[in-house]
Amino acid sequence: MQGKAKELAVACARAAEEIQAEDIRVLDLRGISTLTDFMVICSGSSMPHLKAILRDVEKGVFESTGQRPSHAEGRAVTRWVVLDYFDVMVHILHDEMREHYALEELWGDAPSIEWAQEAA
């Protein structure tokens, strides 16, 4: 199960990369949080960019894994959207929101996954 969660997190990061999301990070929260196993955090610099990231992550992940988020919270106009895949949560934030909320610092004890080097 956890191998599948990591594969899903990598698929989310890759889908975000394809639409040129910025500063993509995958955090391994296993053993640190009961909320989720992996957290993907990425940024966009404008409303159209945030909408494109949201649309293409959902589409790309479905095409590569067959999975859809169980829930989505927020919209591009709120400048922070969360896609909940249960074992993976994807946070898509406007640059300013990301800097303000500093999720990487909040989860600073979580190791980062080198997702770009993971096998497809």
C-alpha atoms as a PDB file:
ATOM      1  CA  MET A   1       0.000   0.000   0.000  1.00  0.00           C
ATOM      2  CA  GLN A   2       2.735   2.487   0.912  1.00  0.00           C
ATOM      3  CA  GLY A   3       4.580   1.731  -2.336  1.00  0.00           C
ATOM      4  CA  LYS A   4       1.400   2.636  -4.205  1.00  0.00           C
ATOM      5  CA  ALA A   5       1.088   5.857  -2.199  1.00  0.00           C
ATOM      6  CA  LYS A   6       4.640   6.852  -3.112  1.00  0.00           C
ATOM      7  CA  GLU A   7       3.964   6.052  -6.782  1.00  0.00           C
ATOM      8  CA  LEU A   8       0.847   8.221  -6.628  1.00  0.00           C
ATOM      9  CA  ALA A   9       2.797  11.094  -5.018  1.00  0.00           C
ATOM     10  CA  VAL A  10       5.406  10.876  -7.782  1.00  0.00           C
ATOM     11  CA  ALA A  11       2.642  10.824 -10.430  1.00  0.00           C
ATOM     12  CA  CYS A  12       1.165  13.982  -8.880  1.00  0.00           C
ATOM     13  CA  ALA A  13       4.546  15.720  -8.895  1.00  0.00           C
ATOM     14  CA  ARG A  14       5.202  14.733 -12.497  1.00  0.00           C
ATOM     15  CA  ALA A  15       1.792  15.979 -13.612  1.00  0.00           C
ATOM     16  CA  ALA A  16       2.493  19.295 -11.885  1.00  0.00           C
ATOM     17  CA  GLU A  17       5.897  19.464 -13.566  1.00  0.00           C
ATOM     18  CA  GLU A  18       4.353  18.956 -17.003  1.00  0.00           C
ATOM     19  CA  ILE A  19       2.270  22.126 -16.591  1.00  0.00           C
ATOM     20  CA  GLN A  20       5.326  23.967 -15.253  1.00  0.00           C
ATOM     21  CA  ALA A  21       4.250  24.242 -11.624  1.00  0.00           C
ATOM     22  CA  GLU A  22       6.998  25.865  -9.600  1.00  0.00           C
ATOM     23  CA  ASP A  23       9.114  24.538  -6.716  1.00  0.00           C
ATOM     24  CA  ILE A  24       7.542  21.073  -6.549  1.00  0.00           C
ATOM     25  CA  ARG A  25       8.252  19.216  -3.322  1.00  0.00           C
ATOM     26  CA  VAL A  26       7.144  15.771  -2.169  1.00  0.00           C
ATOM     27  CA  LEU A  27       7.265  15.222   1.596  1.00  0.00           C
ATOM     28  CA  ASP A  28       7.165  11.780   3.219  1.00  0.00           C
ATOM     29  CA  LEU A  29       4.866  12.090   6.238  1.00  0.00           C
ATOM     30  CA  ARG A  30       4.741   8.386   7.088  1.00  0.00           C
ATOM     31  CA  GLY A  31       5.269   8.003  10.820  1.00  0.00           C
ATOM     32  CA  ILE A  32       4.952  11.769  11.309  1.00  0.00           C
ATOM     33  CA  SER A  33       1.276  12.409  10.554  1.00  0.00           C
ATOM     34  CA  THR A  34      -1.897  10.360  10.521  1.00  0.00           C
ATOM     35  CA  LEU A  35      -3.430  12.810   8.031  1.00  0.00           C
ATOM     36  CA  THR A  36      -1.696  11.418   4.941  1.00  0.00           C
ATOM     37  CA  ASP A  37       1.410   9.490   3.881  1.00  0.00           C
ATOM     38  CA  PHE A  38       2.755  11.969   1.328  1.00  0.00           C
ATOM     39  CA  MET A  39       2.271  15.648   0.680  1.00  0.00           C
ATOM     40  CA  VAL A  40       2.970  17.250  -2.685  1.00  0.00           C
ATOM     41  CA  ILE A  41       3.417  21.023  -2.586  1.00  0.00           C
ATOM     42  CA  CYS A  42       3.728  23.207  -5.672  1.00  0.00           C
ATOM     43  CA  SER A  43       3.231  26.825  -6.675  1.00  0.00           C
ATOM     44  CA  GLY A  44       1.789  28.890  -9.467  1.00  0.00           C
ATOM     45  CA  SER A  45       2.322  32.570 -10.160  1.00  0.00           C
ATOM     46  CA  SER A  46      -1.110  33.613 -11.489  1.00  0.00           C
ATOM     47  CA  MET A  47      -4.771  32.602 -11.427  1.00  0.00           C
ATOM     48  CA  PRO A  48      -4.629  31.078 -14.932  1.00  0.00           C
ATOM     49  CA  HIS A  49      -1.500  29.134 -13.942  1.00  0.00           C
ATOM     50  CA  LEU A  50      -3.154  27.815 -10.757  1.00  0.00           C
ATOM     51  CA  LYS A  51      -6.236  26.736 -12.737  1.00  0.00           C
ATOM     52  CA  ALA A  52      -4.030  24.974 -15.299  1.00  0.00           C
ATOM     53  CA  ILE A  53      -2.044  23.169 -12.586  1.00  0.00           C
ATOM     54  CA  LEU A  54      -5.236  22.009 -10.879  1.00  0.00           C
ATOM     55  CA  ARG A  55      -6.799  20.832 -14.147  1.00  0.00           C
ATOM     56  CA  ASP A  56      -3.687  19.098 -15.442  1.00  0.00           C
ATOM     57  CA  VAL A  57      -2.721  17.404 -12.179  1.00  0.00           C
ATOM     58  CA  GLU A  58      -6.200  15.878 -11.888  1.00  0.00           C
ATOM     59  CA  LYS A  59      -6.177  14.848 -15.563  1.00  0.00           C
ATOM     60  CA  GLY A  60      -2.568  13.613 -15.634  1.00  0.00           C
ATOM     61  CA  VAL A  61      -2.888  11.580 -12.443  1.00  0.00           C
ATOM     62  CA  PHE A  62      -6.117   9.985 -13.666  1.00  0.00           C
ATOM     63  CA  GLU A  63      -4.511   9.108 -17.017  1.00  0.00           C
ATOM     64  CA  SER A  64      -1.394   7.594 -15.413  1.00  0.00           C
ATOM     65  CA  THR A  65      -2.927   5.892 -12.350  1.00  0.00           C
ATOM     66  CA  GLY A  66      -6.700   5.770 -12.866  1.00  0.00           C
ATOM     67  CA  GLN A  67      -7.184   7.600  -9.565  1.00  0.00           C
ATOM     68  CA  ARG A  68      -9.242  10.696  -8.916  1.00  0.00           C
ATOM     69  CA  PRO A  69      -9.070  12.819  -5.777  1.00  0.00           C
ATOM     70  CA  SER A  70     -11.649  11.882  -3.171  1.00  0.00           C
ATOM     71  CA  HIS A  71     -12.092  15.553  -2.386  1.00  0.00           C
ATOM     72  CA  ALA A  72     -10.887  18.950  -3.559  1.00  0.00           C
ATOM     73  CA  GLU A  73     -10.895  21.948  -1.255  1.00  0.00           C
ATOM     74  CA  GLY A  74     -10.568  25.529  -2.432  1.00  0.00           C
ATOM     75  CA  ARG A  75     -10.476  27.014  -5.917  1.00  0.00           C
ATOM     76  CA  ALA A  76      -7.852  28.884  -7.894  1.00  0.00           C
ATOM     77  CA  VAL A  77      -9.418  32.209  -6.860  1.00  0.00           C
ATOM     78  CA  THR A  78      -8.720  31.344  -3.204  1.00  0.00           C
ATOM     79  CA  ARG A  79      -5.047  30.923  -4.203  1.00  0.00           C
ATOM     80  CA  TRP A  80      -4.798  27.572  -2.381  1.00  0.00           C
ATOM     81  CA  VAL A  81      -6.292  24.299  -3.568  1.00  0.00           C
ATOM     82  CA  VAL A  82      -5.904  20.890  -1.943  1.00  0.00           C
ATOM     83  CA  LEU A  83      -6.512  17.647  -3.821  1.00  0.00           C
ATOM     84  CA  ASP A  84      -7.035  14.769  -1.398  1.00  0.00           C
ATOM     85  CA  TYR A  85      -6.127  11.311  -2.666  1.00  0.00           C
ATOM     86  CA  PHE A  86      -6.256   9.895   0.933  1.00  0.00           C
ATOM     87  CA  ASP A  87      -2.637   8.674   1.064  1.00  0.00           C
ATOM     88  CA  VAL A  88      -1.450  11.731  -0.882  1.00  0.00           C
ATOM     89  CA  MET A  89      -2.478  15.353  -0.487  1.00  0.00           C
ATOM     90  CA  VAL A  90      -1.570  17.834  -3.212  1.00  0.00           C
ATOM     91  CA  HIS A  91      -1.314  21.495  -2.201  1.00  0.00           C
ATOM     92  CA  ILE A  92      -1.377  23.939  -5.125  1.00  0.00           C
ATOM     93  CA  LEU A  93      -0.655  27.441  -3.857  1.00  0.00           C
ATOM     94  CA  HIS A  94      -0.087  30.878  -5.277  1.00  0.00           C
ATOM     95  CA  ASP A  95       3.519  31.955  -4.623  1.00  0.00           C
ATOM     96  CA  GLU A  96       2.451  34.514  -1.998  1.00  0.00           C
ATOM     97  CA  MET A  97       0.283  32.015  -0.101  1.00  0.00           C
ATOM     98  CA  ARG A  98       3.053  29.443  -0.127  1.00  0.00           C
ATOM     99  CA  GLU A  99       5.533  31.894   1.301  1.00  0.00           C
ATOM    100  CA  HIS A 100       3.041  33.045   3.956  1.00  0.00           C
ATOM    101  CA  TYR A 101       1.958  29.593   5.176  1.00  0.00           C
ATOM    102  CA  ALA A 102       5.380  27.914   4.772  1.00  0.00           C
ATOM    103  CA  LEU A 103       4.126  24.322   4.718  1.00  0.00           C
ATOM    104  CA  GLU A 104       7.664  22.991   4.256  1.00  0.00           C
ATOM    105  CA  GLU A 105       8.655  24.628   7.542  1.00  0.00           C
ATOM    106  CA  LEU A 106       5.524  23.355   9.276  1.00  0.00           C
ATOM    107  CA  TRP A 107       6.457  19.817   8.187  1.00  0.00           C
ATOM    108  CA  GLY A 108      10.203  20.466   8.493  1.00  0.00           C
ATOM    109  CA  ASP A 109      10.854  17.075  10.091  1.00  0.00           C
ATOM    110  CA  ALA A 110       9.443  15.264   7.032  1.00  0.00           C
ATOM    111  CA  PRO A 111      12.059  14.020   4.559  1.00  0.00           C
ATOM    112  CA  SER A 112      11.745  15.104   0.942  1.00  0.00           C
ATOM    113  CA  ILE A 113      11.385  12.497  -1.776  1.00  0.00           C
ATOM    114  CA  GLU A 114      13.631  12.924  -4.811  1.00  0.00           C
ATOM    115  CA  TRP A 115      10.677  12.314  -7.119  1.00  0.00           C
ATOM    116  CA  ALA A 116      12.335  13.478 -10.361  1.00  0.00           C
ATOM    117  CA  GLN A 117      14.736  10.550 -10.099  1.00  0.00           C
ATOM    118  CA  GLU A 118      12.080   7.943  -9.313  1.00  0.00           C
ATOM    119  CA  ALA A 119      11.383   5.317 -11.964  1.00  0.00           C
ATOM    120  CA  ALA A 120       8.344   6.016 -14.129  1.00  0.00           C
END
